[in-house]
Amino acid sequence: MDFVSTRIITDDIKRLVQFYEDLGLKAIWYTQEFAELSSATCTLAIGSTRTMNLYGSGVALPASNRSLIIDFHVSDVDEVYSRLGATLKDVVQAPTTQPWGNRSLLFRDPDGNLVNFFTPVSPEAIRKYMKG
């Protein structure tokens, strides 16, 4: 089994895709109702509420997540926070060093989903995320 993506369902797909593009991801639109934003390590899919209706009415409710955090590893979370300041309308926590060794910036996307940008700073966290 391979984990390939996380999908967000939204009532305003253009707004949400644009938000993630403003953060630095590039969208590939497959239809007007579905796009994917991929990095080297993961894919964030965004679908309109209409796509979920194909599975059954009310299967997924947009803008209602309160349990999931979408994590992005960045090279310098403080620099990213400084650069994206105006883009981030709902910052939950400015860059803070967490007990597990990551310096993290937590904010919400336009649908209220939690997004975490983090940079490993402790020796253990750095080792965990070393490439190659």
N, C-alpha and C. Protein backbone atom coordinates (compact mmCIF):
# COMPACT_ATOMS: atom_id res chain seq x y z
N MET A 1 0.85 -1.17 0.00
CA MET A 1 0.00 0.00 0.00
C MET A 1 0.89 1.24 0.00
N ASP A 2 0.58 2.21 -0.84
CA ASP A 2 1.32 3.47 -0.92
C ASP A 2 0.41 4.63 -0.59
N PHE A 3 0.83 5.47 0.31
CA PHE A 3 0.10 6.70 0.63
C PHE A 3 0.46 7.73 -0.43
N VAL A 4 -0.53 8.25 -1.17
CA VAL A 4 -0.22 9.12 -2.30
C VAL A 4 -0.63 10.57 -2.13
N SER A 5 -1.69 10.85 -1.35
CA SER A 5 -2.09 12.24 -1.21
C SER A 5 -3.06 12.43 -0.06
N THR A 6 -3.24 13.69 0.27
CA THR A 6 -4.29 14.13 1.18
C THR A 6 -5.19 15.05 0.36
N ARG A 7 -6.51 14.90 0.52
CA ARG A 7 -7.43 15.71 -0.27
C ARG A 7 -8.27 16.58 0.66
N ILE A 8 -8.40 17.83 0.28
CA ILE A 8 -9.28 18.77 0.98
C ILE A 8 -10.49 19.01 0.09
N ILE A 9 -11.65 18.97 0.68
CA ILE A 9 -12.89 19.29 -0.03
C ILE A 9 -13.30 20.70 0.37
N THR A 10 -13.65 21.52 -0.63
CA THR A 10 -13.94 22.92 -0.38
C THR A 10 -15.12 23.40 -1.22
N ASP A 11 -15.78 24.44 -0.71
CA ASP A 11 -16.82 25.10 -1.50
C ASP A 11 -16.26 26.14 -2.45
N ASP A 12 -14.98 26.52 -2.25
CA ASP A 12 -14.35 27.55 -3.09
C ASP A 12 -12.97 27.07 -3.53
N ILE A 13 -12.97 26.21 -4.54
CA ILE A 13 -11.74 25.56 -4.97
C ILE A 13 -10.71 26.56 -5.51
N LYS A 14 -11.16 27.55 -6.26
CA LYS A 14 -10.20 28.52 -6.82
C LYS A 14 -9.47 29.28 -5.71
N ARG A 15 -10.21 29.71 -4.69
CA ARG A 15 -9.60 30.44 -3.58
C ARG A 15 -8.59 29.57 -2.84
N LEU A 16 -8.96 28.32 -2.56
CA LEU A 16 -8.07 27.46 -1.77
C LEU A 16 -6.83 27.05 -2.56
N VAL A 17 -7.01 26.72 -3.83
CA VAL A 17 -5.83 26.39 -4.66
C VAL A 17 -4.91 27.60 -4.76
N GLN A 18 -5.47 28.78 -4.96
CA GLN A 18 -4.64 29.99 -5.04
C GLN A 18 -3.86 30.22 -3.75
N PHE A 19 -4.47 29.96 -2.61
CA PHE A 19 -3.78 30.11 -1.32
C PHE A 19 -2.55 29.22 -1.27
N TYR A 20 -2.68 27.95 -1.63
CA TYR A 20 -1.54 27.03 -1.59
C TYR A 20 -0.51 27.37 -2.66
N GLU A 21 -0.94 27.91 -3.79
CA GLU A 21 0.02 28.38 -4.78
C GLU A 21 0.79 29.59 -4.22
N ASP A 22 0.11 30.47 -3.51
CA ASP A 22 0.78 31.62 -2.90
C ASP A 22 1.82 31.19 -1.87
N LEU A 23 1.61 30.01 -1.26
CA LEU A 23 2.59 29.48 -0.31
C LEU A 23 3.80 28.88 -1.01
N GLY A 24 3.67 28.58 -2.31
CA GLY A 24 4.82 28.08 -3.05
C GLY A 24 4.62 26.79 -3.83
N LEU A 25 3.43 26.19 -3.76
CA LEU A 25 3.17 24.98 -4.52
C LEU A 25 2.57 25.35 -5.88
N LYS A 26 2.77 24.50 -6.86
CA LYS A 26 2.24 24.71 -8.21
C LYS A 26 1.09 23.74 -8.44
N ALA A 27 -0.05 24.27 -8.87
CA ALA A 27 -1.23 23.44 -9.09
C ALA A 27 -1.28 22.89 -10.50
N ILE A 28 -1.74 21.67 -10.61
CA ILE A 28 -2.13 21.08 -11.88
C ILE A 28 -3.63 20.85 -11.78
N TRP A 29 -4.36 21.53 -12.66
CA TRP A 29 -5.82 21.40 -12.70
C TRP A 29 -6.18 20.26 -13.64
N TYR A 30 -6.92 19.28 -13.13
CA TYR A 30 -7.37 18.17 -13.96
C TYR A 30 -8.76 18.43 -14.50
N THR A 31 -9.58 19.11 -13.72
CA THR A 31 -10.90 19.59 -14.14
C THR A 31 -11.12 20.90 -13.39
N GLN A 32 -12.23 21.57 -13.65
CA GLN A 32 -12.55 22.79 -12.90
C GLN A 32 -12.90 22.48 -11.45
N GLU A 33 -13.08 21.20 -11.15
CA GLU A 33 -13.50 20.77 -9.82
C GLU A 33 -12.40 20.05 -9.04
N PHE A 34 -11.20 19.89 -9.63
CA PHE A 34 -10.16 19.08 -8.98
C PHE A 34 -8.77 19.53 -9.42
N ALA A 35 -7.91 19.76 -8.43
CA ALA A 35 -6.52 20.12 -8.71
C ALA A 35 -5.60 19.40 -7.73
N GLU A 36 -4.35 19.24 -8.13
CA GLU A 36 -3.34 18.68 -7.25
C GLU A 36 -2.15 19.63 -7.18
N LEU A 37 -1.60 19.75 -5.98
CA LEU A 37 -0.40 20.56 -5.74
C LEU A 37 0.63 19.60 -5.17
N SER A 38 1.72 19.39 -5.90
CA SER A 38 2.70 18.37 -5.51
C SER A 38 4.05 18.97 -5.21
N SER A 39 4.72 18.34 -4.26
CA SER A 39 6.13 18.62 -4.00
C SER A 39 6.89 17.32 -4.29
N ALA A 40 8.15 17.30 -3.98
CA ALA A 40 8.95 16.09 -4.23
C ALA A 40 8.50 14.93 -3.34
N THR A 41 7.83 15.22 -2.23
CA THR A 41 7.51 14.16 -1.27
C THR A 41 6.03 13.90 -1.05
N CYS A 42 5.15 14.78 -1.53
CA CYS A 42 3.72 14.54 -1.28
C CYS A 42 2.85 15.31 -2.25
N THR A 43 1.57 14.98 -2.23
CA THR A 43 0.59 15.67 -3.07
C THR A 43 -0.57 16.10 -2.19
N LEU A 44 -0.97 17.35 -2.35
CA LEU A 44 -2.15 17.88 -1.71
C LEU A 44 -3.20 18.03 -2.81
N ALA A 45 -4.25 17.26 -2.73
CA ALA A 45 -5.34 17.33 -3.72
C ALA A 45 -6.44 18.22 -3.15
N ILE A 46 -7.06 18.99 -4.02
CA ILE A 46 -8.18 19.84 -3.60
C ILE A 46 -9.32 19.61 -4.57
N GLY A 47 -10.46 19.24 -4.00
CA GLY A 47 -11.64 18.98 -4.81
C GLY A 47 -12.81 19.82 -4.34
N SER A 48 -13.68 20.13 -5.26
CA SER A 48 -14.87 20.90 -4.90
C SER A 48 -15.87 19.98 -4.21
N THR A 49 -16.80 20.58 -3.50
CA THR A 49 -17.86 19.83 -2.85
C THR A 49 -18.62 18.98 -3.87
N ARG A 50 -18.77 19.49 -5.08
CA ARG A 50 -19.49 18.74 -6.12
C ARG A 50 -18.83 17.39 -6.43
N THR A 51 -17.50 17.31 -6.31
CA THR A 51 -16.84 16.02 -6.58
C THR A 51 -17.22 15.00 -5.53
N MET A 52 -17.44 15.41 -4.30
CA MET A 52 -17.80 14.47 -3.25
C MET A 52 -19.22 13.98 -3.39
N ASN A 53 -20.07 14.76 -4.02
CA ASN A 53 -21.45 14.32 -4.23
C ASN A 53 -21.53 13.08 -5.11
N LEU A 54 -20.47 12.81 -5.88
CA LEU A 54 -20.41 11.59 -6.68
C LEU A 54 -20.37 10.35 -5.78
N TYR A 55 -19.86 10.52 -4.54
CA TYR A 55 -19.78 9.42 -3.58
C TYR A 55 -21.06 9.31 -2.75
N GLY A 56 -21.84 10.37 -2.73
CA GLY A 56 -23.06 10.39 -1.94
C GLY A 56 -23.20 11.75 -1.27
N SER A 57 -24.41 12.20 -1.11
CA SER A 57 -24.67 13.52 -0.54
C SER A 57 -24.18 13.60 0.91
N GLY A 58 -23.45 14.67 1.22
CA GLY A 58 -23.01 14.91 2.60
C GLY A 58 -21.88 14.03 3.09
N VAL A 59 -21.19 13.32 2.19
CA VAL A 59 -20.11 12.42 2.60
C VAL A 59 -18.97 13.21 3.25
N ALA A 60 -18.64 14.38 2.72
CA ALA A 60 -17.61 15.23 3.29
C ALA A 60 -18.17 16.64 3.42
N LEU A 61 -17.84 17.30 4.51
CA LEU A 61 -18.32 18.66 4.76
C LEU A 61 -17.16 19.63 4.66
N PRO A 62 -17.19 20.55 3.71
CA PRO A 62 -16.08 21.50 3.57
C PRO A 62 -15.96 22.42 4.77
N ALA A 63 -14.74 22.90 5.00
CA ALA A 63 -14.44 23.88 6.04
C ALA A 63 -14.89 23.42 7.42
N SER A 64 -14.79 22.11 7.71
CA SER A 64 -15.23 21.62 9.01
C SER A 64 -14.16 20.80 9.74
N ASN A 65 -12.93 20.79 9.23
CA ASN A 65 -11.86 20.01 9.84
C ASN A 65 -11.39 20.66 11.14
N ARG A 66 -11.25 19.88 12.18
CA ARG A 66 -10.69 20.34 13.44
C ARG A 66 -9.75 19.30 14.04
N SER A 67 -9.25 18.37 13.21
CA SER A 67 -8.40 17.32 13.77
C SER A 67 -7.15 17.03 12.95
N LEU A 68 -7.00 17.61 11.79
CA LEU A 68 -5.90 17.30 10.90
C LEU A 68 -4.97 18.50 10.77
N ILE A 69 -3.67 18.24 10.73
CA ILE A 69 -2.67 19.29 10.47
C ILE A 69 -1.90 18.88 9.22
N ILE A 70 -1.77 19.78 8.26
CA ILE A 70 -1.01 19.52 7.04
C ILE A 70 0.39 20.08 7.28
N ASP A 71 1.40 19.20 7.29
CA ASP A 71 2.78 19.58 7.62
C ASP A 71 3.62 19.76 6.36
N PHE A 72 4.41 20.84 6.36
CA PHE A 72 5.37 21.11 5.30
C PHE A 72 6.73 21.37 5.92
N HIS A 73 7.73 20.63 5.50
CA HIS A 73 9.12 20.84 5.92
C HIS A 73 9.69 21.97 5.06
N VAL A 74 10.17 23.04 5.70
CA VAL A 74 10.78 24.17 4.98
C VAL A 74 12.19 24.39 5.51
N SER A 75 13.04 24.99 4.70
CA SER A 75 14.44 25.14 5.09
C SER A 75 14.66 26.16 6.21
N ASP A 76 13.83 27.20 6.28
CA ASP A 76 13.97 28.22 7.32
C ASP A 76 12.60 28.81 7.64
N VAL A 77 11.96 28.28 8.66
CA VAL A 77 10.59 28.69 8.99
C VAL A 77 10.50 30.17 9.33
N ASP A 78 11.52 30.74 9.95
CA ASP A 78 11.48 32.17 10.29
C ASP A 78 11.52 33.03 9.03
N GLU A 79 12.32 32.64 8.06
CA GLU A 79 12.39 33.38 6.79
C GLU A 79 11.06 33.27 6.05
N VAL A 80 10.47 32.08 6.04
CA VAL A 80 9.19 31.88 5.36
C VAL A 80 8.11 32.73 6.04
N TYR A 81 8.11 32.76 7.35
CA TYR A 81 7.13 33.57 8.09
C TYR A 81 7.28 35.05 7.74
N SER A 82 8.50 35.51 7.67
CA SER A 82 8.77 36.90 7.32
C SER A 82 8.30 37.21 5.90
N ARG A 83 8.57 36.31 4.98
CA ARG A 83 8.23 36.51 3.56
C ARG A 83 6.72 36.42 3.30
N LEU A 84 6.04 35.52 4.00
CA LEU A 84 4.62 35.28 3.73
C LEU A 84 3.68 36.08 4.63
N GLY A 85 4.22 36.93 5.44
CA GLY A 85 3.42 37.66 6.42
C GLY A 85 2.03 38.06 6.00
N ALA A 86 1.89 38.75 4.88
CA ALA A 86 0.59 39.25 4.43
C ALA A 86 -0.32 38.13 3.93
N THR A 87 0.25 37.04 3.46
CA THR A 87 -0.54 35.92 2.93
C THR A 87 -1.24 35.15 4.05
N LEU A 88 -0.61 35.12 5.21
CA LEU A 88 -1.14 34.35 6.33
C LEU A 88 -2.08 35.20 7.17
N LYS A 89 -3.37 35.02 6.98
CA LYS A 89 -4.38 35.83 7.67
C LYS A 89 -4.72 35.30 9.05
N ASP A 90 -4.51 34.01 9.29
CA ASP A 90 -4.94 33.39 10.55
C ASP A 90 -3.79 32.59 11.15
N VAL A 91 -2.83 33.29 11.74
CA VAL A 91 -1.68 32.64 12.37
C VAL A 91 -2.11 32.16 13.76
N VAL A 92 -1.96 30.88 14.00
CA VAL A 92 -2.30 30.29 15.30
C VAL A 92 -1.11 30.42 16.25
N GLN A 93 0.10 30.19 15.72
CA GLN A 93 1.32 30.32 16.52
C GLN A 93 2.47 30.74 15.61
N ALA A 94 3.08 31.87 15.94
CA ALA A 94 4.27 32.32 15.22
C ALA A 94 5.38 31.29 15.43
N PRO A 95 6.46 31.34 14.65
CA PRO A 95 7.51 30.34 14.81
C PRO A 95 7.94 30.16 16.27
N THR A 96 7.87 28.91 16.70
CA THR A 96 8.16 28.53 18.07
C THR A 96 8.89 27.19 18.03
N THR A 97 9.91 27.04 18.86
CA THR A 97 10.63 25.77 18.93
C THR A 97 9.84 24.82 19.82
N GLN A 98 9.47 23.67 19.25
CA GLN A 98 8.67 22.68 19.96
C GLN A 98 9.57 21.70 20.71
N PRO A 99 9.05 21.03 21.74
CA PRO A 99 9.84 20.10 22.54
C PRO A 99 10.45 18.95 21.73
N TRP A 100 9.86 18.60 20.59
CA TRP A 100 10.38 17.49 19.77
C TRP A 100 11.46 17.94 18.78
N GLY A 101 11.85 19.23 18.85
CA GLY A 101 13.01 19.67 18.08
C GLY A 101 12.74 20.37 16.77
N ASN A 102 11.47 20.65 16.46
CA ASN A 102 11.15 21.40 15.25
C ASN A 102 10.75 22.82 15.63
N ARG A 103 11.17 23.76 14.82
CA ARG A 103 10.68 25.14 14.95
C ARG A 103 9.49 25.22 14.00
N SER A 104 8.32 25.55 14.54
CA SER A 104 7.07 25.43 13.80
C SER A 104 6.29 26.73 13.74
N LEU A 105 5.65 26.93 12.60
CA LEU A 105 4.71 28.02 12.36
C LEU A 105 3.37 27.36 12.06
N LEU A 106 2.35 27.67 12.86
CA LEU A 106 1.04 27.06 12.69
C LEU A 106 0.04 28.13 12.29
N PHE A 107 -0.69 27.87 11.19
CA PHE A 107 -1.68 28.83 10.70
C PHE A 107 -2.83 28.06 10.06
N ARG A 108 -3.89 28.79 9.74
CA ARG A 108 -5.05 28.17 9.09
C ARG A 108 -5.15 28.64 7.64
N ASP A 109 -5.56 27.73 6.77
CA ASP A 109 -5.83 28.11 5.39
C ASP A 109 -7.22 28.77 5.34
N PRO A 110 -7.66 29.26 4.19
CA PRO A 110 -8.95 29.97 4.13
C PRO A 110 -10.16 29.13 4.55
N ASP A 111 -10.05 27.80 4.50
CA ASP A 111 -11.15 26.94 4.95
C ASP A 111 -11.02 26.55 6.42
N GLY A 112 -9.99 27.03 7.10
CA GLY A 112 -9.81 26.74 8.52
C GLY A 112 -8.95 25.52 8.81
N ASN A 113 -8.40 24.87 7.79
CA ASN A 113 -7.52 23.72 8.01
C ASN A 113 -6.20 24.19 8.60
N LEU A 114 -5.70 23.47 9.58
CA LEU A 114 -4.40 23.82 10.18
C LEU A 114 -3.27 23.42 9.25
N VAL A 115 -2.32 24.33 9.09
CA VAL A 115 -1.12 24.10 8.28
C VAL A 115 0.08 24.39 9.16
N ASN A 116 1.06 23.51 9.14
CA ASN A 116 2.27 23.66 9.93
C ASN A 116 3.47 23.70 9.00
N PHE A 117 4.21 24.79 9.04
CA PHE A 117 5.52 24.86 8.39
C PHE A 117 6.55 24.63 9.49
N PHE A 118 7.49 23.74 9.26
CA PHE A 118 8.47 23.47 10.30
C PHE A 118 9.88 23.30 9.74
N THR A 119 10.84 23.63 10.60
CA THR A 119 12.26 23.43 10.31
C THR A 119 12.87 22.68 11.48
N PRO A 120 13.49 21.54 11.24
CA PRO A 120 14.16 20.83 12.32
C PRO A 120 15.33 21.67 12.87
N VAL A 121 15.43 21.76 14.19
CA VAL A 121 16.51 22.54 14.79
C VAL A 121 17.33 21.76 15.81
N SER A 122 16.78 20.73 16.42
CA SER A 122 17.56 19.93 17.36
C SER A 122 18.37 18.91 16.56
N PRO A 123 19.48 18.41 17.12
CA PRO A 123 20.26 17.39 16.39
C PRO A 123 19.41 16.17 16.00
N GLU A 124 18.53 15.73 16.87
CA GLU A 124 17.70 14.55 16.57
C GLU A 124 16.72 14.84 15.43
N ALA A 125 16.08 16.01 15.47
CA ALA A 125 15.13 16.35 14.41
C ALA A 125 15.85 16.55 13.08
N ILE A 126 17.01 17.16 13.12
CA ILE A 126 17.80 17.36 11.89
C ILE A 126 18.15 16.01 11.27
N ARG A 127 18.60 15.07 12.10
CA ARG A 127 18.93 13.72 11.59
C ARG A 127 17.71 13.05 10.97
N LYS A 128 16.54 13.22 11.59
CA LYS A 128 15.32 12.60 11.09
C LYS A 128 14.98 13.06 9.68
N TYR A 129 15.23 14.32 9.40
CA TYR A 129 14.82 14.89 8.10
C TYR A 129 15.98 15.10 7.13
N MET A 130 17.15 14.54 7.44
CA MET A 130 18.28 14.67 6.50
C MET A 130 17.96 13.96 5.20
N LYS A 131 18.33 14.56 4.12
CA LYS A 131 18.13 13.95 2.79
C LYS A 131 19.35 13.09 2.44
N GLY A 132 19.07 12.00 1.73
CA GLY A 132 20.13 11.17 1.20
C GLY A 132 20.80 10.39 2.24
